[in-house]
Amino acid sequence: MKQLLIKIDACEDALEWAADKSWKEIYKTCHRGDWLLWLFAKTNPDDLQRLTLAKGYCAKTVIHLMKDERSIKAVKIAIKFGKGKASREELDAAYYAAAYVYAAASVYDASAAYAAAYAAAYAGYYASAAYYAAAYAAAASYTAEKENQQLTADICRKYLPFKIWNINETI
């Protein structure tokens, strides 16, 4: 597993944390949703729908902090797309609207929460919705950041079950 993580350019923190863990152990114990989203995007490049569903639910953890309806809509559309109930065109439109909101948001206006919305709706394999959710929580406190990281990791395990991952530990 360590060789795979090196091959796909995992960050130093993830490499250190994963150390000599098996894939099953990494999956069951990973405490960061952004790491799981990133790994899924790297190892399951053709599964945009499931990735977007997980990103949408991760971003939903901070939806209550979003004041602009376009950001809220982007999270909802991401989830609908992930469930097969919204088109790629709807997802793209929601992404562009949320990206505009994020770009216009000030640092004092929960911009990380807005970033979570546009990251969730981004149709590419940009997997940082969980990161932005955790980043906003970090502004409140270190404890809130860690709790959000764990929450988004649990969300990833729910919507990206072990059996669907394309990981071969023998690489």
N, C-alpha and C. Protein backbone atom coordinates (compact mmCIF):
# COMPACT_ATOMS: atom_id res chain seq x y z
N MET A 1 0.83 -1.18 0.00
CA MET A 1 0.00 0.00 0.00
C MET A 1 0.88 1.25 0.00
N LYS A 2 1.96 1.20 0.75
CA LYS A 2 2.85 2.36 0.81
C LYS A 2 3.40 2.70 -0.57
N GLN A 3 3.75 1.69 -1.35
CA GLN A 3 4.26 1.92 -2.70
C GLN A 3 3.21 2.59 -3.58
N LEU A 4 1.97 2.18 -3.45
CA LEU A 4 0.89 2.80 -4.22
C LEU A 4 0.75 4.27 -3.83
N LEU A 5 0.76 4.56 -2.54
CA LEU A 5 0.63 5.94 -2.08
C LEU A 5 1.78 6.81 -2.58
N ILE A 6 2.97 6.26 -2.61
CA ILE A 6 4.12 6.99 -3.15
C ILE A 6 3.94 7.23 -4.64
N LYS A 7 3.51 6.19 -5.34
CA LYS A 7 3.33 6.26 -6.80
C LYS A 7 2.31 7.33 -7.20
N ILE A 8 1.27 7.51 -6.40
CA ILE A 8 0.23 8.47 -6.76
C ILE A 8 0.41 9.82 -6.05
N ASP A 9 1.58 10.02 -5.47
CA ASP A 9 1.96 11.30 -4.86
C ASP A 9 1.12 11.71 -3.65
N ALA A 10 0.91 10.79 -2.74
CA ALA A 10 0.24 11.14 -1.49
C ALA A 10 1.11 12.13 -0.72
N CYS A 11 0.49 12.98 0.05
CA CYS A 11 1.24 13.97 0.83
C CYS A 11 2.04 13.28 1.93
N GLU A 12 3.04 13.99 2.43
CA GLU A 12 3.91 13.43 3.46
C GLU A 12 3.14 13.02 4.71
N ASP A 13 2.18 13.84 5.12
CA ASP A 13 1.39 13.51 6.32
C ASP A 13 0.63 12.21 6.13
N ALA A 14 0.04 12.01 4.96
CA ALA A 14 -0.70 10.78 4.70
C ALA A 14 0.24 9.58 4.65
N LEU A 15 1.39 9.75 4.02
CA LEU A 15 2.37 8.67 3.97
C LEU A 15 2.84 8.27 5.36
N GLU A 16 3.10 9.27 6.18
CA GLU A 16 3.54 8.99 7.55
C GLU A 16 2.45 8.29 8.34
N TRP A 17 1.20 8.76 8.18
CA TRP A 17 0.11 8.14 8.91
C TRP A 17 -0.14 6.71 8.43
N ALA A 18 -0.12 6.49 7.13
CA ALA A 18 -0.41 5.17 6.57
C ALA A 18 0.70 4.18 6.90
N ALA A 19 1.95 4.66 6.92
CA ALA A 19 3.13 3.84 7.24
C ALA A 19 3.01 2.44 6.63
N ASP A 20 2.90 1.45 7.47
CA ASP A 20 2.84 0.06 6.99
C ASP A 20 1.45 -0.55 7.16
N LYS A 21 0.44 0.29 7.19
CA LYS A 21 -0.93 -0.22 7.32
C LYS A 21 -1.38 -0.91 6.03
N SER A 22 -2.25 -1.88 6.18
CA SER A 22 -2.87 -2.52 5.02
C SER A 22 -3.94 -1.59 4.48
N TRP A 23 -4.40 -1.87 3.25
CA TRP A 23 -5.46 -1.07 2.67
C TRP A 23 -6.72 -1.14 3.54
N LYS A 24 -7.05 -2.32 4.02
CA LYS A 24 -8.25 -2.49 4.84
C LYS A 24 -8.14 -1.66 6.13
N GLU A 25 -6.97 -1.65 6.73
CA GLU A 25 -6.77 -0.86 7.95
C GLU A 25 -6.84 0.64 7.66
N ILE A 26 -6.26 1.06 6.54
CA ILE A 26 -6.34 2.47 6.15
C ILE A 26 -7.80 2.87 5.96
N TYR A 27 -8.52 2.06 5.23
CA TYR A 27 -9.93 2.37 4.96
C TYR A 27 -10.73 2.48 6.26
N LYS A 28 -10.55 1.54 7.16
CA LYS A 28 -11.35 1.49 8.39
C LYS A 28 -10.96 2.56 9.40
N THR A 29 -9.71 3.02 9.38
CA THR A 29 -9.26 3.91 10.45
C THR A 29 -8.89 5.32 10.00
N CYS A 30 -8.94 5.60 8.72
CA CYS A 30 -8.57 6.94 8.26
C CYS A 30 -9.46 7.98 8.93
N HIS A 31 -8.84 9.00 9.45
CA HIS A 31 -9.54 10.03 10.22
C HIS A 31 -9.77 11.31 9.42
N ARG A 32 -9.49 11.28 8.13
CA ARG A 32 -9.63 12.49 7.31
C ARG A 32 -10.39 12.20 6.03
N GLY A 33 -11.54 12.85 5.90
CA GLY A 33 -12.35 12.68 4.70
C GLY A 33 -11.65 13.16 3.45
N ASP A 34 -10.88 14.25 3.54
CA ASP A 34 -10.18 14.76 2.36
C ASP A 34 -9.19 13.74 1.83
N TRP A 35 -8.54 13.00 2.70
CA TRP A 35 -7.61 11.96 2.24
C TRP A 35 -8.36 10.85 1.52
N LEU A 36 -9.50 10.43 2.07
CA LEU A 36 -10.26 9.36 1.42
C LEU A 36 -10.83 9.81 0.08
N LEU A 37 -11.33 11.04 0.01
CA LEU A 37 -11.84 11.56 -1.26
C LEU A 37 -10.72 11.62 -2.29
N TRP A 38 -9.57 12.10 -1.90
CA TRP A 38 -8.42 12.20 -2.80
C TRP A 38 -8.01 10.82 -3.30
N LEU A 39 -7.92 9.85 -2.39
CA LEU A 39 -7.51 8.50 -2.77
C LEU A 39 -8.54 7.86 -3.69
N PHE A 40 -9.81 8.06 -3.41
CA PHE A 40 -10.85 7.51 -4.28
C PHE A 40 -10.74 8.11 -5.68
N ALA A 41 -10.55 9.41 -5.75
CA ALA A 41 -10.42 10.07 -7.06
C ALA A 41 -9.23 9.52 -7.83
N LYS A 42 -8.14 9.25 -7.14
CA LYS A 42 -6.94 8.73 -7.80
C LYS A 42 -7.10 7.27 -8.24
N THR A 43 -7.80 6.48 -7.47
CA THR A 43 -7.88 5.05 -7.74
C THR A 43 -9.16 4.63 -8.46
N ASN A 44 -10.12 5.50 -8.53
CA ASN A 44 -11.38 5.21 -9.21
C ASN A 44 -11.71 6.36 -10.16
N PRO A 45 -10.86 6.60 -11.14
CA PRO A 45 -11.00 7.78 -11.99
C PRO A 45 -12.26 7.83 -12.84
N ASP A 46 -12.96 6.73 -12.96
CA ASP A 46 -14.16 6.71 -13.79
C ASP A 46 -15.46 6.75 -12.98
N ASP A 47 -15.37 7.03 -11.69
CA ASP A 47 -16.56 6.98 -10.84
C ASP A 47 -16.92 8.36 -10.30
N LEU A 48 -17.16 9.28 -11.21
CA LEU A 48 -17.50 10.66 -10.85
C LEU A 48 -18.78 10.73 -10.01
N GLN A 49 -19.75 9.92 -10.33
CA GLN A 49 -21.03 9.99 -9.64
C GLN A 49 -20.88 9.69 -8.15
N ARG A 50 -20.21 8.61 -7.80
CA ARG A 50 -20.05 8.27 -6.39
C ARG A 50 -19.16 9.28 -5.67
N LEU A 51 -18.09 9.72 -6.34
CA LEU A 51 -17.21 10.72 -5.74
C LEU A 51 -18.00 12.00 -5.44
N THR A 52 -18.82 12.44 -6.39
CA THR A 52 -19.59 13.66 -6.20
C THR A 52 -20.60 13.50 -5.08
N LEU A 53 -21.19 12.33 -4.95
CA LEU A 53 -22.13 12.09 -3.86
C LEU A 53 -21.42 12.24 -2.51
N ALA A 54 -20.26 11.63 -2.38
CA ALA A 54 -19.51 11.72 -1.12
C ALA A 54 -19.07 13.16 -0.86
N LYS A 55 -18.57 13.85 -1.90
CA LYS A 55 -18.17 15.25 -1.73
C LYS A 55 -19.36 16.10 -1.31
N GLY A 56 -20.52 15.84 -1.90
CA GLY A 56 -21.72 16.61 -1.56
C GLY A 56 -22.09 16.45 -0.10
N TYR A 57 -22.06 15.22 0.39
CA TYR A 57 -22.41 15.00 1.79
C TYR A 57 -21.34 15.56 2.73
N CYS A 58 -20.08 15.55 2.32
CA CYS A 58 -19.03 16.18 3.14
C CYS A 58 -19.27 17.69 3.22
N ALA A 59 -19.57 18.30 2.09
CA ALA A 59 -19.83 19.75 2.08
C ALA A 59 -21.08 20.08 2.88
N LYS A 60 -22.02 19.17 2.91
CA LYS A 60 -23.27 19.41 3.65
C LYS A 60 -23.02 19.60 5.14
N THR A 61 -21.88 19.14 5.63
CA THR A 61 -21.57 19.31 7.06
C THR A 61 -21.41 20.78 7.44
N VAL A 62 -21.19 21.65 6.45
CA VAL A 62 -21.07 23.09 6.74
C VAL A 62 -22.13 23.91 5.98
N ILE A 63 -23.14 23.26 5.45
CA ILE A 63 -24.15 23.98 4.67
C ILE A 63 -24.88 25.02 5.53
N HIS A 64 -24.99 24.77 6.80
CA HIS A 64 -25.67 25.71 7.70
C HIS A 64 -24.91 27.03 7.82
N LEU A 65 -23.66 27.05 7.41
CA LEU A 65 -22.85 28.27 7.47
C LEU A 65 -22.93 29.08 6.19
N MET A 66 -23.53 28.52 5.16
CA MET A 66 -23.62 29.19 3.87
C MET A 66 -24.82 30.12 3.84
N LYS A 67 -24.56 31.35 3.45
CA LYS A 67 -25.64 32.34 3.41
C LYS A 67 -26.14 32.57 1.99
N ASP A 68 -25.35 32.21 1.02
CA ASP A 68 -25.73 32.45 -0.37
C ASP A 68 -26.42 31.21 -0.93
N GLU A 69 -27.58 31.40 -1.48
CA GLU A 69 -28.39 30.29 -1.99
C GLU A 69 -27.68 29.50 -3.09
N ARG A 70 -26.80 30.14 -3.86
CA ARG A 70 -26.08 29.44 -4.92
C ARG A 70 -25.15 28.37 -4.36
N SER A 71 -24.55 28.65 -3.22
CA SER A 71 -23.69 27.66 -2.58
C SER A 71 -24.50 26.50 -2.04
N ILE A 72 -25.59 26.82 -1.41
CA ILE A 72 -26.48 25.78 -0.88
C ILE A 72 -26.99 24.91 -2.01
N LYS A 73 -27.38 25.55 -3.12
CA LYS A 73 -27.87 24.81 -4.27
C LYS A 73 -26.78 23.90 -4.84
N ALA A 74 -25.54 24.36 -4.85
CA ALA A 74 -24.44 23.55 -5.38
C ALA A 74 -24.28 22.26 -4.58
N VAL A 75 -24.39 22.35 -3.28
CA VAL A 75 -24.30 21.15 -2.44
C VAL A 75 -25.45 20.21 -2.74
N LYS A 76 -26.66 20.78 -2.83
CA LYS A 76 -27.83 19.94 -3.11
C LYS A 76 -27.76 19.30 -4.49
N ILE A 77 -27.29 20.04 -5.48
CA ILE A 77 -27.15 19.48 -6.84
C ILE A 77 -26.08 18.39 -6.87
N ALA A 78 -24.99 18.60 -6.14
CA ALA A 78 -23.94 17.57 -6.09
C ALA A 78 -24.51 16.26 -5.55
N ILE A 79 -25.30 16.35 -4.51
CA ILE A 79 -25.92 15.14 -3.94
C ILE A 79 -26.91 14.53 -4.94
N LYS A 80 -27.72 15.38 -5.58
CA LYS A 80 -28.66 14.87 -6.58
C LYS A 80 -27.92 14.19 -7.74
N PHE A 81 -26.84 14.81 -8.20
CA PHE A 81 -26.05 14.21 -9.27
C PHE A 81 -25.50 12.86 -8.82
N GLY A 82 -25.00 12.82 -7.61
CA GLY A 82 -24.47 11.57 -7.06
C GLY A 82 -25.50 10.46 -6.97
N LYS A 83 -26.76 10.85 -6.83
CA LYS A 83 -27.85 9.87 -6.77
C LYS A 83 -28.47 9.60 -8.14
N GLY A 84 -27.92 10.24 -9.18
CA GLY A 84 -28.44 10.04 -10.53
C GLY A 84 -29.70 10.84 -10.82
N LYS A 85 -29.94 11.90 -10.05
CA LYS A 85 -31.17 12.68 -10.21
C LYS A 85 -30.93 14.09 -10.73
N ALA A 86 -29.71 14.37 -11.17
CA ALA A 86 -29.38 15.66 -11.78
C ALA A 86 -28.39 15.38 -12.91
N SER A 87 -28.45 16.20 -13.92
CA SER A 87 -27.58 16.01 -15.09
C SER A 87 -26.20 16.62 -14.86
N ARG A 88 -25.28 16.26 -15.71
CA ARG A 88 -23.94 16.84 -15.67
C ARG A 88 -24.02 18.35 -15.93
N GLU A 89 -24.93 18.76 -16.80
CA GLU A 89 -25.10 20.18 -17.10
C GLU A 89 -25.57 20.93 -15.86
N GLU A 90 -26.50 20.35 -15.10
CA GLU A 90 -26.96 20.99 -13.87
C GLU A 90 -25.82 21.09 -12.86
N LEU A 91 -25.02 20.04 -12.78
CA LEU A 91 -23.87 20.04 -11.87
C LEU A 91 -22.87 21.12 -12.27
N ASP A 92 -22.58 21.21 -13.55
CA ASP A 92 -21.64 22.23 -14.03
C ASP A 92 -22.15 23.64 -13.74
N ALA A 93 -23.44 23.88 -13.98
CA ALA A 93 -24.02 25.20 -13.73
C ALA A 93 -23.94 25.55 -12.24
N ALA A 94 -24.23 24.58 -11.39
CA ALA A 94 -24.15 24.81 -9.94
C ALA A 94 -22.72 25.10 -9.52
N TYR A 95 -21.78 24.39 -10.12
CA TYR A 95 -20.37 24.62 -9.82
C TYR A 95 -19.97 26.06 -10.16
N TYR A 96 -20.30 26.50 -11.36
CA TYR A 96 -19.91 27.85 -11.77
C TYR A 96 -20.53 28.92 -10.88
N ALA A 97 -21.78 28.73 -10.50
CA ALA A 97 -22.43 29.68 -9.61
C ALA A 97 -21.75 29.70 -8.24
N ALA A 98 -21.46 28.52 -7.71
CA ALA A 98 -20.80 28.43 -6.40
C ALA A 98 -19.37 28.96 -6.45
N ALA A 99 -18.69 28.73 -7.56
CA ALA A 99 -17.32 29.24 -7.70
C ALA A 99 -17.32 30.77 -7.68
N TYR A 100 -18.32 31.36 -8.29
CA TYR A 100 -18.44 32.83 -8.28
C TYR A 100 -18.64 33.33 -6.85
N VAL A 101 -19.51 32.65 -6.11
CA VAL A 101 -19.77 33.04 -4.73
C VAL A 101 -18.50 32.92 -3.91
N TYR A 102 -17.79 31.82 -4.09
CA TYR A 102 -16.55 31.62 -3.33
C TYR A 102 -15.53 32.70 -3.65
N ALA A 103 -15.39 33.01 -4.92
CA ALA A 103 -14.43 34.03 -5.33
C ALA A 103 -14.78 35.39 -4.75
N ALA A 104 -16.06 35.66 -4.59
CA ALA A 104 -16.50 36.96 -4.08
C ALA A 104 -16.57 37.01 -2.56
N ALA A 105 -16.55 35.85 -1.90
CA ALA A 105 -16.68 35.82 -0.43
C ALA A 105 -15.42 36.37 0.22
N SER A 106 -15.61 37.09 1.29
CA SER A 106 -14.46 37.61 2.02
C SER A 106 -13.99 36.57 3.02
N VAL A 107 -12.81 36.77 3.51
CA VAL A 107 -12.24 35.88 4.51
C VAL A 107 -13.11 35.82 5.75
N TYR A 108 -13.84 36.88 6.02
CA TYR A 108 -14.67 36.94 7.21
C TYR A 108 -16.07 36.38 6.97
N ASP A 109 -16.32 35.88 5.79
CA ASP A 109 -17.67 35.46 5.45
C ASP A 109 -17.74 33.97 5.14
N ALA A 110 -17.10 33.16 5.96
CA ALA A 110 -17.16 31.71 5.83
C ALA A 110 -16.75 31.24 4.45
N SER A 111 -15.67 31.81 3.90
CA SER A 111 -15.28 31.46 2.54
C SER A 111 -14.94 29.99 2.40
N ALA A 112 -14.44 29.35 3.45
CA ALA A 112 -14.16 27.92 3.37
C ALA A 112 -15.45 27.12 3.22
N ALA A 113 -16.52 27.58 3.84
CA ALA A 113 -17.81 26.91 3.67
C ALA A 113 -18.28 27.04 2.23
N TYR A 114 -18.09 28.22 1.64
CA TYR A 114 -18.45 28.40 0.24
C TYR A 114 -17.56 27.55 -0.66
N ALA A 115 -16.29 27.44 -0.30
CA ALA A 115 -15.37 26.61 -1.08
C ALA A 115 -15.82 25.15 -1.05
N ALA A 116 -16.33 24.72 0.07
CA ALA A 116 -16.84 23.35 0.16
C ALA A 116 -17.97 23.14 -0.84
N ALA A 117 -18.82 24.14 -1.00
CA ALA A 117 -19.93 24.02 -1.94
C ALA A 117 -19.43 23.89 -3.36
N TYR A 118 -18.50 24.77 -3.75
CA TYR A 118 -18.07 24.68 -5.15
C TYR A 118 -17.20 23.45 -5.39
N ALA A 119 -16.43 23.02 -4.39
CA ALA A 119 -15.64 21.80 -4.54
C ALA A 119 -16.55 20.58 -4.69
N ALA A 120 -17.65 20.56 -3.96
CA ALA A 120 -18.59 19.45 -4.05
C ALA A 120 -19.21 19.37 -5.44
N ALA A 121 -19.50 20.51 -6.02
CA ALA A 121 -20.17 20.54 -7.33
C ALA A 121 -19.20 20.45 -8.49
N TYR A 122 -17.91 20.57 -8.23
CA TYR A 122 -16.94 20.52 -9.32
C TYR A 122 -16.95 19.13 -9.94
N ALA A 123 -17.18 19.06 -11.22
CA ALA A 123 -17.33 17.77 -11.89
C ALA A 123 -16.01 17.06 -12.13
N GLY A 124 -14.91 17.73 -11.92
CA GLY A 124 -13.62 17.07 -12.04
C GLY A 124 -13.33 16.30 -10.78
N TYR A 125 -12.17 15.76 -10.69
CA TYR A 125 -11.84 14.95 -9.53
C TYR A 125 -11.16 15.77 -8.45
N TYR A 126 -11.56 17.01 -8.32
CA TYR A 126 -11.11 17.89 -7.25
C TYR A 126 -11.81 17.40 -6.00
N ALA A 127 -11.07 16.85 -5.08
CA ALA A 127 -11.69 16.12 -3.98
C ALA A 127 -11.58 16.83 -2.64
N SER A 128 -11.63 18.14 -2.64
CA SER A 128 -11.35 18.83 -1.40
C SER A 128 -12.56 19.35 -0.65
N ALA A 129 -13.74 18.89 -0.96
CA ALA A 129 -14.91 19.36 -0.21
C ALA A 129 -14.72 19.10 1.29
N ALA A 130 -14.20 17.93 1.62
CA ALA A 130 -13.99 17.61 3.03
C ALA A 130 -12.93 18.52 3.64
N TYR A 131 -11.91 18.82 2.87
CA TYR A 131 -10.86 19.71 3.37
C TYR A 131 -11.44 21.08 3.73
N TYR A 132 -12.25 21.62 2.84
CA TYR A 132 -12.80 22.94 3.11
C TYR A 132 -13.80 22.90 4.26
N ALA A 133 -14.53 21.82 4.39
CA ALA A 133 -15.43 21.70 5.53
C ALA A 133 -14.61 21.70 6.82
N ALA A 134 -13.52 20.94 6.82
CA ALA A 134 -12.65 20.91 7.99
C ALA A 134 -11.95 22.24 8.21
N ALA A 135 -11.57 22.91 7.13
CA ALA A 135 -10.89 24.19 7.25
C ALA A 135 -11.80 25.23 7.90
N TYR A 136 -13.06 25.23 7.54
CA TYR A 136 -13.96 26.18 8.17
C TYR A 136 -14.12 25.85 9.64
N ALA A 137 -14.26 24.56 9.93
CA ALA A 137 -14.39 24.16 11.32
C ALA A 137 -13.14 24.57 12.11
N ALA A 138 -11.98 24.55 11.45
CA ALA A 138 -10.73 24.93 12.10
C ALA A 138 -10.75 26.38 12.54
N ALA A 139 -11.46 27.21 11.82
CA ALA A 139 -11.54 28.61 12.19
C ALA A 139 -12.22 28.76 13.55
N ALA A 140 -13.10 27.83 13.86
CA ALA A 140 -13.78 27.86 15.15
C ALA A 140 -12.88 27.32 16.26
N SER A 141 -12.25 26.17 16.01
CA SER A 141 -11.36 25.60 17.01
C SER A 141 -10.66 24.36 16.45
N TYR A 142 -9.56 24.01 17.08
CA TYR A 142 -8.82 22.82 16.71
C TYR A 142 -9.70 21.58 16.88
N THR A 143 -10.46 21.54 17.97
CA THR A 143 -11.33 20.39 18.23
C THR A 143 -12.39 20.26 17.15
N ALA A 144 -12.98 21.38 16.74
CA ALA A 144 -13.99 21.35 15.69
C ALA A 144 -13.39 20.85 14.38
N GLU A 145 -12.16 21.25 14.06
CA GLU A 145 -11.49 20.77 12.85
C GLU A 145 -11.35 19.26 12.89
N LYS A 146 -10.85 18.73 13.97
CA LYS A 146 -10.64 17.28 14.08
C LYS A 146 -11.97 16.53 14.03
N GLU A 147 -12.98 17.08 14.66
CA GLU A 147 -14.29 16.44 14.62
C GLU A 147 -14.85 16.42 13.20
N ASN A 148 -14.66 17.51 12.46
CA ASN A 148 -15.16 17.55 11.08
C ASN A 148 -14.36 16.63 10.19
N GLN A 149 -13.07 16.53 10.40
CA GLN A 149 -12.26 15.61 9.61
C GLN A 149 -12.75 14.18 9.82
N GLN A 150 -13.02 13.81 11.07
CA GLN A 150 -13.52 12.47 11.37
C GLN A 150 -14.91 12.26 10.78
N LEU A 151 -15.77 13.26 10.93
CA LEU A 151 -17.12 13.16 10.39
C LEU A 151 -17.09 12.95 8.88
N THR A 152 -16.26 13.71 8.17
CA THR A 152 -16.21 13.55 6.72
C THR A 152 -15.58 12.22 6.33
N ALA A 153 -14.66 11.70 7.12
CA ALA A 153 -14.11 10.37 6.85
C ALA A 153 -15.20 9.31 6.98
N ASP A 154 -16.03 9.45 8.00
CA ASP A 154 -17.14 8.51 8.18
C ASP A 154 -18.14 8.62 7.04
N ILE A 155 -18.37 9.83 6.57
CA ILE A 155 -19.26 10.03 5.41
C ILE A 155 -18.69 9.32 4.19
N CYS A 156 -17.39 9.45 3.98
CA CYS A 156 -16.75 8.78 2.84
C CYS A 156 -16.92 7.27 2.93
N ARG A 157 -16.73 6.71 4.13
CA ARG A 157 -16.91 5.26 4.27
C ARG A 157 -18.35 4.84 3.99
N LYS A 158 -19.29 5.69 4.32
CA LYS A 158 -20.70 5.36 4.06
C LYS A 158 -21.02 5.36 2.57
N TYR A 159 -20.55 6.38 1.85
CA TYR A 159 -20.92 6.52 0.44
C TYR A 159 -19.89 5.94 -0.54
N LEU A 160 -18.73 5.57 -0.03
CA LEU A 160 -17.70 4.93 -0.86
C LEU A 160 -17.29 3.63 -0.17
N PRO A 161 -18.17 2.62 -0.20
CA PRO A 161 -17.90 1.38 0.53
C PRO A 161 -16.65 0.66 0.03
N PHE A 162 -16.05 -0.06 0.92
CA PHE A 162 -14.79 -0.75 0.68
C PHE A 162 -14.79 -1.55 -0.63
N LYS A 163 -15.86 -2.23 -0.92
CA LYS A 163 -15.91 -3.15 -2.06
C LYS A 163 -15.83 -2.45 -3.42
N ILE A 164 -16.08 -1.14 -3.50
CA ILE A 164 -16.08 -0.47 -4.81
C ILE A 164 -14.72 0.15 -5.16
N TRP A 165 -13.80 0.16 -4.25
CA TRP A 165 -12.50 0.79 -4.48
C TRP A 165 -11.64 -0.08 -5.39
N ASN A 166 -10.92 0.55 -6.31
CA ASN A 166 -9.99 -0.15 -7.20
C ASN A 166 -8.58 -0.06 -6.63
N ILE A 167 -8.36 -0.79 -5.55
CA ILE A 167 -7.03 -0.77 -4.92
C ILE A 167 -6.52 -2.20 -4.85
N ASN A 168 -5.32 -2.35 -5.37
CA ASN A 168 -4.63 -3.63 -5.34
C ASN A 168 -3.39 -3.46 -4.50
N GLU A 169 -3.36 -4.08 -3.34
CA GLU A 169 -2.23 -3.90 -2.42
C GLU A 169 -0.93 -4.52 -2.92
N THR A 170 -0.99 -5.28 -3.97
CA THR A 170 0.22 -5.94 -4.43
C THR A 170 1.06 -5.08 -5.37
N ILE A 171 0.62 -3.85 -5.60
CA ILE A 171 1.38 -2.94 -6.49
C ILE A 171 2.73 -2.65 -5.90
